[in-house]
């Protein structure tokens, strides 16, 4: 990998150029509504290996396959449960990934050695146009170095992937900002494997039987077999040591005041959270939606500032807040101080 990586405006000409590269087995940076992805031919084991090489990603971490229309499911999966059909009708195109039994057409390299595969239909028009121009499904994990914060802009992708991929399609900031919700099916039940913008309450509009997997909030052992990306390895992490402070604003302020040292930064809901306390901070929003859009940018900003230790205000744990908390837990390596 020794490319002169280009950032291309996501117009029709650039989409055609990116599609030709993909059809030749290359990997390109692709925008989606969630985060930017590293897109390659999901059916080509050699092309998929290029994703793992560019990211430095563990080979047993499954990839999500992106399609542009429901008809592309034909030949990719062996069965679509009735509950999955209802989810597709309600949430596709959109930030929902469904784990389904795969056919042999999907290489084991794409599925992380599993007999299932995650499939989603992005709502981002550039992503779907690229899939259409390729005429094939695209494997596309987040376009960051493995373990680092996910990218929500083309510049973030460039910072991690310059020299590793030939081009990045720039379609501006991602509208959602966190990776898709990932679910699997057990009879008429839905199991939530990774929370996202599609929340538990949203899923309950399809079926009341929604199970939140233990791995959403707890550490998964390194020898565990997982069906969804983002469950097993440390993810989304800046270079700084991140610690979540779970408590009231007053207790957060006191903890920071008592424990800050040189190189300490904070992640806060607003600029006023540290009123009267001499500690620099990055703001990641006061609502669940803002926090989802801004969390990864905030984590990257901390690296730019050279932060050594970060005290982060704990987000909510329901709705979209559960997804933000899930990402922050992994960025912190599950370090939480409850006050």
Protein backbone atom coordinates (compact mmCIF):
# COMPACT_ATOMS: atom_id res chain seq x y z
CA UNK A 1 0.00 0.00 0.00
CA UNK A 2 1.63 3.17 -1.21
CA UNK A 3 -1.10 5.29 -2.75
CA UNK A 4 -1.31 9.00 -3.37
CA UNK A 5 -4.74 9.14 -1.74
CA UNK A 6 -7.21 11.55 -3.37
CA UNK A 7 -10.26 13.15 -1.80
CA UNK A 8 -12.90 13.34 -4.53
CA UNK A 9 -16.13 15.33 -4.53
CA UNK A 10 -18.93 12.79 -4.59
CA UNK A 11 -20.25 13.63 -8.07
CA UNK A 12 -21.23 11.14 -10.77
CA UNK A 13 -17.79 11.17 -12.38
CA UNK A 14 -16.02 10.44 -9.09
CA UNK A 15 -18.53 7.71 -8.24
CA UNK A 16 -17.79 6.02 -11.59
CA UNK A 17 -14.04 6.32 -10.93
CA UNK A 18 -14.40 4.78 -7.46
CA UNK A 19 -16.59 1.99 -8.86
CA UNK A 20 -13.98 1.09 -11.48
CA UNK A 21 -11.35 0.85 -8.75
CA UNK A 22 -13.58 -1.42 -6.67
CA UNK A 23 -14.29 -3.66 -9.67
CA UNK A 24 -10.51 -4.01 -10.07
CA UNK A 25 -10.25 -5.28 -6.49
CA UNK A 26 -9.27 -2.00 -4.81
CA UNK A 27 -10.56 -0.45 -1.58
CA UNK A 28 -12.02 3.09 -1.50
CA UNK A 29 -13.41 5.43 1.15
CA UNK A 30 -17.22 5.61 0.97
CA UNK A 31 -19.61 7.93 2.81
CA UNK A 32 -22.69 6.56 4.54
CA UNK A 33 -25.22 8.18 6.85
CA UNK A 34 -23.58 6.45 9.85
CA UNK A 35 -19.79 6.72 9.44
CA UNK A 36 -17.43 6.60 6.46
CA UNK A 37 -16.61 3.08 5.31
CA UNK A 38 -13.80 1.24 3.51
CA UNK A 39 -15.62 -0.26 0.56
CA UNK A 40 -14.54 -3.31 -1.46
CA UNK A 41 -16.20 -6.09 -3.42
CA UNK A 42 -17.86 -8.20 -0.72
CA UNK A 43 -17.73 -11.28 -2.99
CA UNK A 44 -13.97 -11.09 -3.69
CA UNK A 45 -11.84 -12.62 -0.92
CA UNK A 46 -8.71 -10.88 -2.20
CA UNK A 47 -10.43 -7.48 -2.23
CA UNK A 48 -11.78 -8.06 1.27
CA UNK A 49 -8.27 -8.90 2.49
CA UNK A 50 -7.32 -5.41 1.31
CA UNK A 51 -9.79 -3.96 3.82
CA UNK A 52 -8.20 -5.88 6.68
CA UNK A 53 -4.74 -4.80 5.54
CA UNK A 54 -5.69 -1.12 5.27
CA UNK A 55 -7.34 -1.09 8.70
CA UNK A 56 -5.00 -3.46 10.51
CA UNK A 57 -8.20 -5.26 11.53
CA UNK A 58 -8.38 -8.71 13.21
CA UNK A 59 -9.46 -11.32 10.65
CA UNK A 60 -12.19 -12.76 12.91
CA UNK A 61 -14.02 -9.42 13.12
CA UNK A 62 -16.95 -9.77 10.65
CA UNK A 63 -17.67 -7.16 7.99
CA UNK A 64 -21.05 -5.69 7.09
CA UNK A 65 -22.23 -6.09 3.50
CA UNK A 66 -23.97 -3.08 1.94
CA UNK A 67 -26.67 -3.37 -0.72
CA UNK A 68 -28.64 -0.75 -2.65
CA UNK A 69 -31.97 -2.55 -3.11
CA UNK A 70 -33.85 -5.45 -1.54
CA UNK A 71 -33.37 -7.55 -4.69
CA UNK A 72 -29.64 -7.77 -3.96
CA UNK A 73 -30.39 -10.09 -1.06
CA UNK A 74 -31.03 -12.85 -3.62
CA UNK A 75 -28.04 -15.17 -3.67
CA UNK A 76 -26.44 -13.58 -0.57
CA UNK A 77 -28.57 -15.17 2.16
CA UNK A 78 -30.35 -18.50 2.47
CA UNK A 79 -33.34 -17.28 4.47
CA UNK A 80 -35.02 -14.06 5.58
CA UNK A 81 -37.22 -14.50 8.68
CA UNK A 82 -40.62 -12.81 8.73
CA UNK A 83 -39.42 -10.45 11.47
CA UNK A 84 -36.46 -9.45 9.29
CA UNK A 85 -38.82 -8.68 6.40
CA UNK A 86 -40.80 -6.38 8.71
CA UNK A 87 -37.60 -4.67 9.86
CA UNK A 88 -36.47 -4.14 6.26
CA UNK A 89 -39.85 -2.65 5.36
CA UNK A 90 -39.71 -0.26 8.33
CA UNK A 91 -36.03 0.71 8.56
CA UNK A 92 -34.41 0.22 5.13
CA UNK A 93 -32.80 2.15 3.65
CA UNK A 94 -31.29 3.27 6.95
CA UNK A 95 -28.85 2.56 9.78
CA UNK A 96 -29.91 -1.02 10.55
CA UNK A 97 -27.81 -4.15 9.97
CA UNK A 98 -29.47 -7.57 10.09
CA UNK A 99 -27.51 -10.78 10.73
CA UNK A 100 -28.77 -13.47 8.33
CA UNK A 101 -27.59 -16.95 7.24
CA UNK A 102 -25.23 -16.51 4.28
CA UNK A 103 -24.76 -18.44 1.06
CA UNK A 104 -21.38 -19.65 -0.18
CA UNK A 105 -21.32 -16.60 -2.43
CA UNK A 106 -20.18 -14.58 0.61
CA UNK A 107 -16.56 -15.56 1.37
CA UNK A 108 -15.65 -16.57 4.90
CA UNK A 109 -13.17 -13.68 4.87
CA UNK A 110 -16.14 -11.30 4.65
CA UNK A 111 -18.16 -12.98 7.39
CA UNK A 112 -15.26 -13.41 9.81
CA UNK A 113 -15.41 -17.19 9.45
CA UNK A 114 -19.13 -17.35 10.37
CA UNK A 115 -22.02 -18.92 8.47
CA UNK A 116 -23.97 -15.68 8.95
CA UNK A 117 -23.43 -12.21 7.50
CA UNK A 118 -24.53 -8.70 8.43
CA UNK A 119 -26.47 -6.94 5.67
CA UNK A 120 -27.65 -3.35 5.49
CA UNK A 121 -29.02 -0.88 2.94
CA UNK A 122 -27.61 2.60 3.61
CA UNK A 123 -29.82 5.65 3.21
CA UNK A 124 -26.91 7.80 1.99
CA UNK A 125 -27.51 8.41 -1.74
CA UNK A 126 -23.81 8.45 -2.64
CA UNK A 127 -23.31 5.06 -1.00
CA UNK A 128 -26.21 3.54 -2.91
CA UNK A 129 -25.08 5.16 -6.16
CA UNK A 130 -21.63 3.63 -5.70
CA UNK A 131 -23.13 0.18 -5.04
CA UNK A 132 -25.26 0.56 -8.18
CA UNK A 133 -22.26 1.69 -10.25
CA UNK A 134 -20.31 -1.36 -9.05
CA UNK A 135 -23.23 -3.71 -9.66
CA UNK A 136 -22.27 -5.78 -6.63
CA UNK A 137 -22.55 -5.72 -2.82
CA UNK A 138 -19.84 -3.88 -0.92
CA UNK A 139 -18.17 -4.88 2.33
CA UNK A 140 -17.58 -1.64 4.19
CA UNK A 141 -16.39 -1.44 7.80
CA UNK A 142 -15.58 1.97 9.27
CA UNK A 143 -12.74 3.69 7.41
CA UNK A 144 -10.37 4.13 10.34
CA UNK A 145 -7.31 2.34 11.63
CA UNK A 146 -8.54 -0.57 13.73
CA UNK A 147 -9.32 0.51 17.30
CA UNK A 148 -9.25 4.27 16.65
CA UNK A 149 -12.33 6.55 16.58
CA UNK A 150 -14.59 6.01 13.59
CA UNK A 151 -14.51 8.67 10.84
CA UNK A 152 -17.45 10.98 10.25
CA UNK A 153 -15.81 13.13 7.56
CA UNK A 154 -13.58 12.55 4.54
CA UNK A 155 -10.77 14.37 6.36
CA UNK A 156 -10.96 11.85 9.21
CA UNK A 157 -10.59 9.05 6.65
CA UNK A 158 -7.63 10.81 5.04
CA UNK A 159 -5.93 11.24 8.42
CA UNK A 160 -6.01 7.45 8.94
CA UNK A 161 -5.85 6.11 5.38
CA UNK A 162 -3.54 8.44 3.46
CA UNK A 163 -1.28 6.15 1.43
CA UNK A 164 -3.37 3.08 2.21
CA UNK A 165 -6.23 3.52 -0.30
CA UNK A 166 -6.44 5.26 -3.70
CA UNK A 167 -9.38 7.61 -3.04
CA UNK A 168 -12.12 8.84 -0.72
CA UNK A 169 -15.53 10.06 -1.87
CA UNK A 170 -16.30 13.22 0.11
CA UNK A 171 -20.01 13.67 0.84
CA UNK A 172 -19.64 15.93 3.87
CA UNK A 173 -20.32 15.09 7.50
CA UNK A 174 -22.23 11.93 8.31
CA UNK A 175 -25.81 12.64 9.33
CA UNK A 176 -26.03 9.97 12.07
CA UNK A 177 -22.42 9.78 13.26
CA UNK A 178 -22.36 6.34 14.89
CA UNK A 179 -22.35 2.90 13.30
CA UNK A 180 -25.55 1.07 12.45
CA UNK A 181 -27.72 -0.84 14.89
CA UNK A 182 -26.96 -4.58 14.52
CA UNK A 183 -29.59 -7.20 15.24
CA UNK A 184 -30.08 -10.95 14.87
CA UNK A 185 -33.24 -13.05 15.01
CA UNK A 186 -34.34 -15.84 17.36
CA UNK A 187 -37.83 -17.04 16.45
CA UNK A 188 -40.03 -13.95 16.71
CA UNK A 189 -37.47 -12.22 18.93
CA UNK A 190 -34.84 -9.62 17.97
CA UNK A 191 -31.47 -9.69 19.70
CA UNK A 192 -29.69 -6.33 19.82
CA UNK A 193 -25.97 -6.95 19.28
CA UNK A 194 -24.84 -3.36 18.74
CA UNK A 195 -27.00 -0.33 19.56
CA UNK A 196 -27.28 2.53 17.11
CA UNK A 197 -29.65 5.22 15.84
CA UNK A 198 -32.41 2.60 15.50
CA UNK A 199 -33.20 2.19 19.20
CA UNK A 200 -34.74 -0.56 21.31
CA UNK A 201 -38.03 1.33 21.35
CA UNK A 202 -37.93 1.59 17.54
CA UNK A 203 -37.39 -2.16 17.26
CA UNK A 204 -40.29 -2.79 19.62
CA UNK A 205 -42.57 -1.29 16.98
CA UNK A 206 -41.83 -4.49 15.03
CA UNK A 207 -41.91 -6.94 17.95
CA UNK A 208 -42.14 -6.54 21.72
CA UNK A 209 -39.59 -9.33 22.07
CA UNK A 210 -36.32 -7.37 21.93
CA UNK A 211 -33.36 -8.81 23.85
CA UNK A 212 -30.33 -6.63 24.59
CA UNK A 213 -27.27 -8.83 24.28
CA UNK A 214 -24.96 -8.95 27.32
CA UNK A 215 -22.08 -7.82 25.09
CA UNK A 216 -23.69 -4.40 24.55
CA UNK A 217 -22.63 -3.19 28.00
CA UNK A 218 -20.18 -5.85 29.22
CA UNK A 219 -16.71 -6.99 28.19
CA UNK A 220 -16.69 -9.90 25.73
CA UNK A 221 -13.85 -12.40 26.17
CA UNK A 222 -11.14 -12.35 23.50
CA UNK A 223 -11.78 -16.00 22.56
CA UNK A 224 -15.53 -15.44 22.08
CA UNK A 225 -17.13 -15.83 18.64
CA UNK A 226 -19.23 -12.74 17.88
CA UNK A 227 -21.69 -12.15 15.03
CA UNK A 228 -21.38 -8.36 14.99
CA UNK A 229 -18.41 -6.02 14.60
CA UNK A 230 -17.74 -3.74 17.55
CA UNK A 231 -18.49 -6.32 20.24
CA UNK A 232 -15.13 -7.88 20.99
CA UNK A 233 -12.04 -5.74 20.50
CA UNK A 234 -11.23 -2.34 21.98
CA UNK A 235 -12.76 0.23 19.66
CA UNK A 236 -13.13 3.92 19.03
CA UNK A 237 -10.18 4.83 21.25
CA UNK A 238 -8.09 7.99 21.22
CA UNK A 239 -4.49 7.83 22.44
CA UNK A 240 -5.56 9.33 25.76
CA UNK A 241 -6.74 7.30 28.74
CA UNK A 242 -10.52 7.85 28.80
CA UNK A 243 -12.51 7.45 32.04
CA UNK A 244 -16.30 7.79 32.16
CA UNK A 245 -17.65 9.69 35.17
CA UNK A 246 -21.19 8.50 35.90
CA UNK A 247 -22.88 10.93 38.26
CA UNK A 248 -24.47 14.34 38.65
CA UNK A 249 -22.94 17.48 37.18
CA UNK A 250 -21.87 18.64 40.65
CA UNK A 251 -20.15 15.32 41.38
CA UNK A 252 -18.46 15.44 37.95
CA UNK A 253 -17.13 18.94 38.64
CA UNK A 254 -15.82 17.92 42.06
CA UNK A 255 -14.15 14.78 40.71
CA UNK A 256 -12.40 16.73 37.94
CA UNK A 257 -11.30 19.44 40.36
CA UNK A 258 -9.88 16.88 42.79
CA UNK A 259 -8.21 14.58 40.25
CA UNK A 260 -7.02 16.63 37.27
CA UNK A 261 -3.31 16.58 36.53
CA UNK A 262 -1.17 17.95 33.71
CA UNK A 263 -2.54 16.69 30.39
CA UNK A 264 -6.09 16.19 31.71
CA UNK A 265 -9.00 17.08 29.41
CA UNK A 266 -12.73 16.55 29.71
CA UNK A 267 -15.58 15.54 27.41
CA UNK A 268 -18.62 17.57 28.41
CA UNK A 269 -22.21 18.17 27.36
CA UNK A 270 -21.77 21.97 27.19
CA UNK A 271 -19.12 24.66 27.68
CA UNK A 272 -20.63 25.58 31.06
CA UNK A 273 -20.16 22.10 32.56
CA UNK A 274 -16.73 23.04 33.91
CA UNK A 275 -17.63 26.56 35.03
CA UNK A 276 -15.06 27.71 37.58
CA UNK A 277 -12.74 24.75 36.98
CA UNK A 278 -9.48 25.28 35.11
CA UNK A 279 -9.55 22.23 32.85
CA UNK A 280 -9.78 22.23 29.03
CA UNK A 281 -12.66 20.35 27.43
CA UNK A 282 -14.21 19.26 24.16
CA UNK A 283 -18.00 19.46 23.96
CA UNK A 284 -19.88 16.53 22.47
CA UNK A 285 -23.46 17.69 22.85
CA UNK A 286 -26.39 17.94 25.24
CA UNK A 287 -28.85 15.66 23.40
CA UNK A 288 -28.54 12.02 22.38
CA UNK A 289 -28.63 12.97 18.69
CA UNK A 290 -25.91 15.61 19.08
CA UNK A 291 -23.72 13.24 21.03
CA UNK A 292 -24.11 10.55 18.38
CA UNK A 293 -23.08 12.97 15.63
CA UNK A 294 -20.16 14.45 17.57
CA UNK A 295 -18.67 11.74 19.78
CA UNK A 296 -16.09 10.44 17.31
CA UNK A 297 -15.03 13.93 16.25
CA UNK A 298 -14.61 14.82 19.93
CA UNK A 299 -12.41 11.77 20.53
CA UNK A 300 -10.26 12.70 17.54
CA UNK A 301 -9.99 16.30 18.76
CA UNK A 302 -8.58 15.03 22.05
CA UNK A 303 -5.70 13.44 20.15
CA UNK A 304 -5.04 16.66 18.26
CA UNK A 305 -4.82 18.49 21.60
CA UNK A 306 -2.41 15.91 22.99
CA UNK A 307 -4.69 14.93 25.87
CA UNK A 308 -3.20 12.34 28.23
CA UNK A 309 -6.18 11.65 30.50
CA UNK A 310 -9.84 12.35 29.70
CA UNK A 311 -12.77 12.52 32.12
CA UNK A 312 -15.99 12.08 30.12
CA UNK A 313 -19.47 12.93 31.31
CA UNK A 314 -21.62 9.83 31.07
CA UNK A 315 -24.34 9.97 28.40
CA UNK A 316 -27.83 8.58 28.86
CA UNK A 317 -28.37 4.84 28.62
CA UNK A 318 -31.71 4.66 26.81
CA UNK A 319 -32.75 5.35 23.22
CA UNK A 320 -29.89 6.62 21.07
CA UNK A 321 -28.05 7.36 24.33
CA UNK A 322 -27.48 3.62 24.75
CA UNK A 323 -25.51 3.62 21.49
CA UNK A 324 -23.42 6.61 22.58
CA UNK A 325 -22.74 4.95 25.95
CA UNK A 326 -21.77 1.71 24.18
CA UNK A 327 -19.18 3.53 22.04
CA UNK A 328 -17.82 5.53 24.95
CA UNK A 329 -17.51 2.39 27.09
CA UNK A 330 -15.27 0.82 24.46
CA UNK A 331 -13.27 4.01 23.95
CA UNK A 332 -12.66 3.98 27.72
CA UNK A 333 -11.82 0.30 27.87
CA UNK A 334 -14.82 -0.07 30.25
CA UNK A 335 -13.29 2.31 32.83
CA UNK A 336 -16.29 3.85 34.65
CA UNK A 337 -16.29 5.71 37.97
CA UNK A 338 -19.76 5.80 39.48
CA UNK A 339 -20.35 8.67 41.90
